[in-house]
Structures are given as structure tokens and as C-alpha cells.
Amino acid sequence: MRRRRFCRRSHLKKRNERVWKDMKRVLCGAAIVFGSLASVLLWPGFGCAEGPVLILEEFKAKEADGFPSAWEHENQRSQSKGRDAYKVQSENGVNFLSAKDAGQRIKKKKIEWDPKAYPVLTWRWRLVKAPTGTEPLAAIYASLDTDLLFIPVFTKYVWSATKPEGTLTEGGMFSGSEIVVQSGTNELGQWFEERVNVYEDFKRIHRHEPAAKAWGISIISSSGVEIDFGPMTALPAK
């Protein structure tokens, strides 16, 4: 009788664990759709991520005009347009970066990030407006090293209007390789979460180990496009 009760308790425990894991998956998915839940799911013991999380950017700090603090313009000749295009905003208590008709890239260099220890880059983004014929719509650049001229060596993760997810375009002498991680323009206003192993992608594409500390990350939104970028984090590999 005791053995039977023990087996039953063990069965119930395993069933409850499965229910809890299923609940977490549902709520984590809801957090992607309803951004206001994201901060709740980052509480200890109730996170979507397994293991430690390295926060690269939360878009909490901004300058007087709304431009994100600690970010720089890639093109110093058009700073005024960039400052007008990129603004930190808040919705239901969750901060994000809004990009409207930017057409240029901004970068963040001063981050403490070991891509070998934290190889998985995650972020959320939401397409708001996409003019016909624009390609690509937006991208995240993960720059894990520099070349002999101290130019960042990066992999570009793209939201494409037409190319299928998983498409890899090899870079040239003056352009980096790009990987399509999101495709299409039908689901406007919908948050999507991306998870990419930037360390493995870097080794596969560039055929060498990255630097011990990543150079930084960059963001670009194409002209005429309106898109929002959520927090960016790095995770250990499972």
C-alpha cells in the first residue's frame, strides 16, 4: 500500500511539473504579445530564460530629447535626423525604442559582453509601418570583433519584407553577412521575440573565434519604416 501511494505521489509530482512548464510557456508567449507582462516574468523563479541573464540594453535611460543614452550615430553628418528618428518610449510600464523613418544606424559600444560565455542574443521587435518595396525593413548588428583596421566585424540579423526566414546572404569586402530571422509585413503591431546564437553564427560565417569582449551592438531601421525595439539580453547556451 505504501509503495502504491508513493508511486501515485511521484506521478502527481511529475504531472504538476509538466503543467507548470506548460503554464510558463504560455505566459512567456503572452509576454511577447502583451509587452506589459514582460517585467513580471523576469521576477526570480518566474522567468522565461533558463540561467543567468546579461542585460545589454533595457532602453530605460534617455537624453532630454528622448534619444537613448550611451548610443551613438553611425553617420556623424546626420545626427539631427537620427535623434528625431530614434526615441525611447514607454507602454504599459515597459520601455522600448521607437524608430520612425530613420534610414540610418545607431550603435552602442560600451557593453561588458563575453559572447563565448553568453552566446545567445535575444530581443523583441514590433513592426508598425512598412512601405511597399523597402528591403530590408530593419536589422540588429552583433559586432563581436574588429578587423586589423579596427572596423567592427558583425553579423546582421534582418527583418525582411520578402526573403524567407533562414536566408543567409554572404557579405563582401565592405558589407557584412546577413541572416533573415523575421519575414513579412502582414502582422503589424505584433511583438516578436528573436533568439540567435551569435557566437556560433560568427564562427560559422567568419571562420575564426570572436574577441573575448564583443565590440557592441547596432540597430538600423530603413527609411519610411516604423518599428519598435524591445530589451536586448544575452544568455548562456543550454
Protein backbone atom coordinates (compact mmCIF):
# COMPACT_ATOMS: atom_id res chain seq x y z
CA MET A 1 0.00 0.00 0.00
CA ARG A 2 2.79 2.41 0.89
CA ARG A 3 4.54 1.68 -2.38
CA ARG A 4 1.33 2.36 -4.30
CA ARG A 5 0.86 5.72 -2.56
CA PHE A 6 4.47 6.66 -3.25
CA CYS A 7 4.08 5.86 -6.94
CA ARG A 8 0.94 7.91 -7.09
CA ARG A 9 2.63 10.89 -5.42
CA SER A 10 5.56 10.59 -7.82
CA HIS A 11 3.16 10.53 -10.77
CA LEU A 12 1.30 13.57 -9.47
CA LYS A 13 4.56 15.46 -8.92
CA LYS A 14 5.69 14.80 -12.48
CA ARG A 15 2.27 15.81 -13.82
CA ASN A 16 2.35 19.05 -11.81
CA GLU A 17 5.83 19.82 -13.11
CA ARG A 18 4.60 19.37 -16.68
CA VAL A 19 1.62 21.63 -16.01
CA TRP A 20 3.90 24.30 -14.54
CA LYS A 21 6.25 24.15 -17.52
CA ASP A 22 3.30 24.40 -19.92
CA MET A 23 1.97 27.38 -17.96
CA LYS A 24 5.32 29.13 -18.16
CA ARG A 25 5.48 28.58 -21.93
CA VAL A 26 2.00 30.04 -22.36
CA LEU A 27 2.74 33.07 -20.18
CA CYS A 28 6.11 33.66 -21.80
CA GLY A 29 4.38 33.65 -25.17
CA ALA A 30 1.85 36.11 -23.80
CA ALA A 31 4.68 38.33 -22.65
CA ILE A 32 5.87 38.60 -26.23
CA VAL A 33 2.38 39.60 -27.37
CA PHE A 34 1.49 41.78 -24.41
CA GLY A 35 4.67 43.63 -23.53
CA SER A 36 3.30 44.70 -20.14
CA LEU A 37 3.77 41.15 -18.79
CA ALA A 38 7.46 41.01 -19.59
CA SER A 39 8.63 42.68 -16.39
CA VAL A 40 6.51 40.30 -14.28
CA LEU A 41 8.03 37.25 -15.96
CA LEU A 42 11.55 38.46 -15.14
CA TRP A 43 10.92 38.07 -11.40
CA PRO A 44 13.10 35.40 -9.71
CA GLY A 45 11.64 31.94 -10.23
CA PHE A 46 9.22 33.07 -12.89
CA GLY A 47 11.47 33.95 -15.82
CA CYS A 48 11.26 32.71 -19.38
CA ALA A 49 15.04 32.34 -19.58
CA GLU A 50 16.94 29.45 -18.03
CA GLY A 51 20.06 30.50 -16.11
CA PRO A 52 21.61 33.97 -15.69
CA VAL A 53 20.62 36.81 -17.95
CA LEU A 54 23.04 39.52 -19.13
CA ILE A 55 21.06 42.69 -19.87
CA LEU A 56 22.65 44.52 -22.80
CA GLU A 57 20.01 47.23 -23.15
CA GLU A 58 16.68 47.96 -21.46
CA PHE A 59 16.05 51.41 -23.00
CA LYS A 60 15.41 52.90 -19.58
CA ALA A 61 17.89 55.77 -19.87
CA LYS A 62 17.36 58.57 -22.37
CA GLU A 63 18.57 62.06 -23.06
CA ALA A 64 16.45 65.20 -22.90
CA ASP A 65 15.19 64.77 -26.48
CA GLY A 66 14.35 61.07 -25.99
CA PHE A 67 17.41 59.68 -27.77
CA PRO A 68 18.73 56.56 -25.95
CA SER A 69 21.62 57.21 -23.58
CA ALA A 70 25.03 55.61 -24.34
CA TRP A 71 24.15 55.20 -28.02
CA GLU A 72 25.97 56.91 -30.89
CA HIS A 73 25.26 57.77 -34.52
CA GLU A 74 26.95 55.75 -37.21
CA ASN A 75 26.82 58.74 -39.55
CA GLN A 76 28.02 61.85 -37.74
CA ARG A 77 26.85 64.12 -40.57
CA SER A 78 23.15 63.44 -39.99
CA GLN A 79 22.86 63.38 -36.23
CA SER A 80 19.80 65.61 -36.12
CA LYS A 81 17.75 63.20 -38.25
CA GLY A 82 18.86 60.25 -36.14
CA ARG A 83 17.94 61.99 -32.91
CA ASP A 84 14.49 62.72 -34.30
CA ALA A 85 14.04 59.16 -35.59
CA TYR A 86 15.06 57.13 -32.53
CA LYS A 87 13.14 57.82 -29.31
CA VAL A 88 12.80 55.88 -26.05
CA GLN A 89 9.14 55.40 -25.22
CA SER A 90 7.05 53.51 -22.66
CA GLU A 91 3.88 51.47 -22.99
CA ASN A 92 2.10 49.84 -20.05
CA GLY A 93 5.20 50.34 -17.93
CA VAL A 94 7.57 48.69 -20.42
CA ASN A 95 10.27 50.73 -22.17
CA PHE A 96 11.24 50.29 -25.81
CA LEU A 97 13.00 52.16 -28.61
CA SER A 98 10.76 53.60 -31.30
CA ALA A 99 12.29 54.10 -34.75
CA LYS A 100 10.44 56.18 -37.34
CA ASP A 101 11.78 56.89 -40.83
CA ALA A 102 15.37 56.56 -39.60
CA GLY A 103 17.27 55.38 -42.64
CA GLN A 104 20.48 55.19 -40.62
CA ARG A 105 22.21 53.12 -37.98
CA ILE A 106 22.93 53.81 -34.33
CA LYS A 107 25.41 51.86 -32.21
CA LYS A 108 26.21 51.01 -28.62
CA LYS A 109 29.83 50.15 -27.93
CA LYS A 110 30.37 50.29 -24.18
CA ILE A 111 28.92 46.95 -23.07
CA GLU A 112 30.52 44.20 -21.00
CA TRP A 113 29.69 41.11 -23.02
CA ASP A 114 31.66 37.90 -23.38
CA PRO A 115 30.00 36.23 -26.40
CA LYS A 116 31.52 32.85 -25.63
CA ALA A 117 30.03 32.77 -22.11
CA TYR A 118 26.76 34.41 -23.23
CA PRO A 119 26.34 33.35 -26.87
CA VAL A 120 22.55 33.65 -27.24
CA LEU A 121 21.33 37.14 -28.12
CA THR A 122 17.64 37.84 -27.58
CA TRP A 123 15.50 40.84 -28.41
CA ARG A 124 11.92 41.78 -29.23
CA TRP A 125 10.68 43.97 -32.07
CA ARG A 126 7.35 45.12 -33.42
CA LEU A 127 6.69 46.35 -36.95
CA VAL A 128 4.30 49.30 -37.07
CA LYS A 129 4.57 50.57 -40.65
CA ALA A 130 6.27 49.10 -43.72
CA PRO A 131 6.26 50.87 -47.11
CA THR A 132 6.00 48.62 -50.15
CA GLY A 133 9.33 47.80 -51.76
CA THR A 134 11.51 48.50 -48.73
CA GLU A 135 14.18 45.87 -48.16
CA PRO A 136 15.32 45.11 -45.52
CA LEU A 137 12.93 46.67 -43.04
CA ALA A 138 15.23 46.66 -40.01
CA ALA A 139 18.20 44.84 -38.54
CA ILE A 140 20.24 44.15 -35.44
CA TYR A 141 24.03 44.04 -35.84
CA ALA A 142 26.01 41.85 -33.45
CA SER A 143 29.63 43.04 -33.68
CA LEU A 144 31.79 40.54 -31.84
CA ASP A 145 35.21 41.64 -33.09
CA THR A 146 37.12 44.19 -35.17
CA ASP A 147 39.46 43.74 -38.12
CA LEU A 148 43.05 44.97 -38.44
CA LEU A 149 41.76 48.48 -39.15
CA PHE A 150 39.53 48.36 -36.03
CA ILE A 151 36.40 48.20 -38.18
CA PRO A 152 33.65 46.14 -36.49
CA VAL A 153 33.17 42.59 -37.77
CA PHE A 154 29.47 41.87 -37.48
CA THR A 155 26.62 39.56 -38.34
CA LYS A 156 23.43 41.32 -39.40
CA TYR A 157 20.09 39.86 -38.28
CA VAL A 158 17.36 41.09 -40.58
CA TRP A 159 13.62 41.59 -40.71
CA SER A 160 12.91 41.16 -44.41
CA ALA A 161 9.74 42.04 -46.27
CA THR A 162 10.10 39.25 -48.83
CA LYS A 163 13.01 36.88 -48.11
CA PRO A 164 12.17 33.69 -46.18
CA GLU A 165 13.43 33.17 -42.64
CA GLY A 166 16.80 31.49 -42.51
CA THR A 167 18.11 33.10 -45.71
CA LEU A 168 21.85 33.73 -45.43
CA THR A 169 23.48 36.35 -47.65
CA GLU A 170 27.27 36.31 -47.60
CA GLY A 171 28.93 39.68 -47.08
CA GLY A 172 31.64 41.26 -49.18
CA MET A 173 34.64 43.45 -48.51
CA PHE A 174 32.53 46.40 -47.38
CA SER A 175 29.39 44.61 -46.16
CA GLY A 176 28.64 42.05 -43.50
CA SER A 177 26.80 38.77 -43.83
CA GLU A 178 23.12 38.88 -43.01
CA ILE A 179 20.64 36.29 -41.77
CA VAL A 180 16.87 36.71 -42.08
CA VAL A 181 15.23 35.97 -38.72
CA GLN A 182 11.83 37.55 -39.38
CA SER A 183 9.90 37.87 -42.64
CA GLY A 184 6.75 39.52 -43.93
CA THR A 185 4.64 42.59 -43.22
CA ASN A 186 1.22 41.10 -42.52
CA GLU A 187 1.30 41.15 -38.71
CA LEU A 188 1.71 44.82 -37.93
CA GLY A 189 1.64 45.77 -34.26
CA GLN A 190 2.67 42.27 -33.12
CA TRP A 191 5.69 41.77 -30.87
CA PHE A 192 8.11 39.03 -31.94
CA GLU A 193 10.98 37.63 -29.90
CA GLU A 194 14.21 36.50 -31.54
CA ARG A 195 16.89 34.19 -30.14
CA VAL A 196 20.10 33.69 -32.09
CA ASN A 197 23.40 32.09 -31.17
CA VAL A 198 25.69 34.90 -32.29
CA TYR A 199 28.83 33.07 -31.18
CA GLU A 200 28.18 30.02 -33.36
CA ASP A 201 26.97 32.19 -36.26
CA PHE A 202 30.15 34.27 -36.04
CA LYS A 203 32.44 31.21 -36.14
CA ARG A 204 30.46 29.65 -38.99
CA ILE A 205 30.42 32.81 -41.13
CA HIS A 206 33.76 34.45 -40.30
CA ARG A 207 35.67 31.22 -39.64
CA HIS A 208 37.52 32.32 -36.53
CA GLU A 209 36.90 32.94 -32.84
CA PRO A 210 35.49 36.34 -31.85
CA ALA A 211 37.22 38.66 -29.41
CA ALA A 212 36.98 37.96 -25.68
CA LYS A 213 34.74 41.03 -25.37
CA ALA A 214 32.20 41.98 -28.03
CA TRP A 215 32.66 45.33 -29.76
CA GLY A 216 28.98 46.19 -29.42
CA ILE A 217 25.54 46.13 -30.99
CA SER A 218 23.87 48.34 -33.60
CA ILE A 219 20.34 48.97 -34.81
CA ILE A 220 19.02 50.16 -38.15
CA SER A 221 15.54 50.94 -39.41
CA SER A 222 15.03 51.72 -43.08
CA SER A 223 13.57 54.92 -44.47
CA GLY A 224 9.80 55.07 -44.22
CA VAL A 225 9.67 52.16 -41.76
CA GLU A 226 8.24 52.45 -38.27
CA ILE A 227 9.39 49.74 -35.87
CA ASP A 228 9.86 49.31 -32.12
CA PHE A 229 12.78 47.51 -30.44
CA GLY A 230 12.40 45.92 -27.02
CA PRO A 231 15.06 44.96 -24.43
CA MET A 232 18.17 43.09 -25.57
CA THR A 233 19.73 40.37 -23.44
CA ALA A 234 22.40 37.68 -23.72
CA LEU A 235 22.03 34.17 -22.32
CA PRO A 236 24.34 31.20 -21.79
CA ALA A 237 23.97 28.29 -24.19
CA LYS A 238 21.81 25.47 -22.87
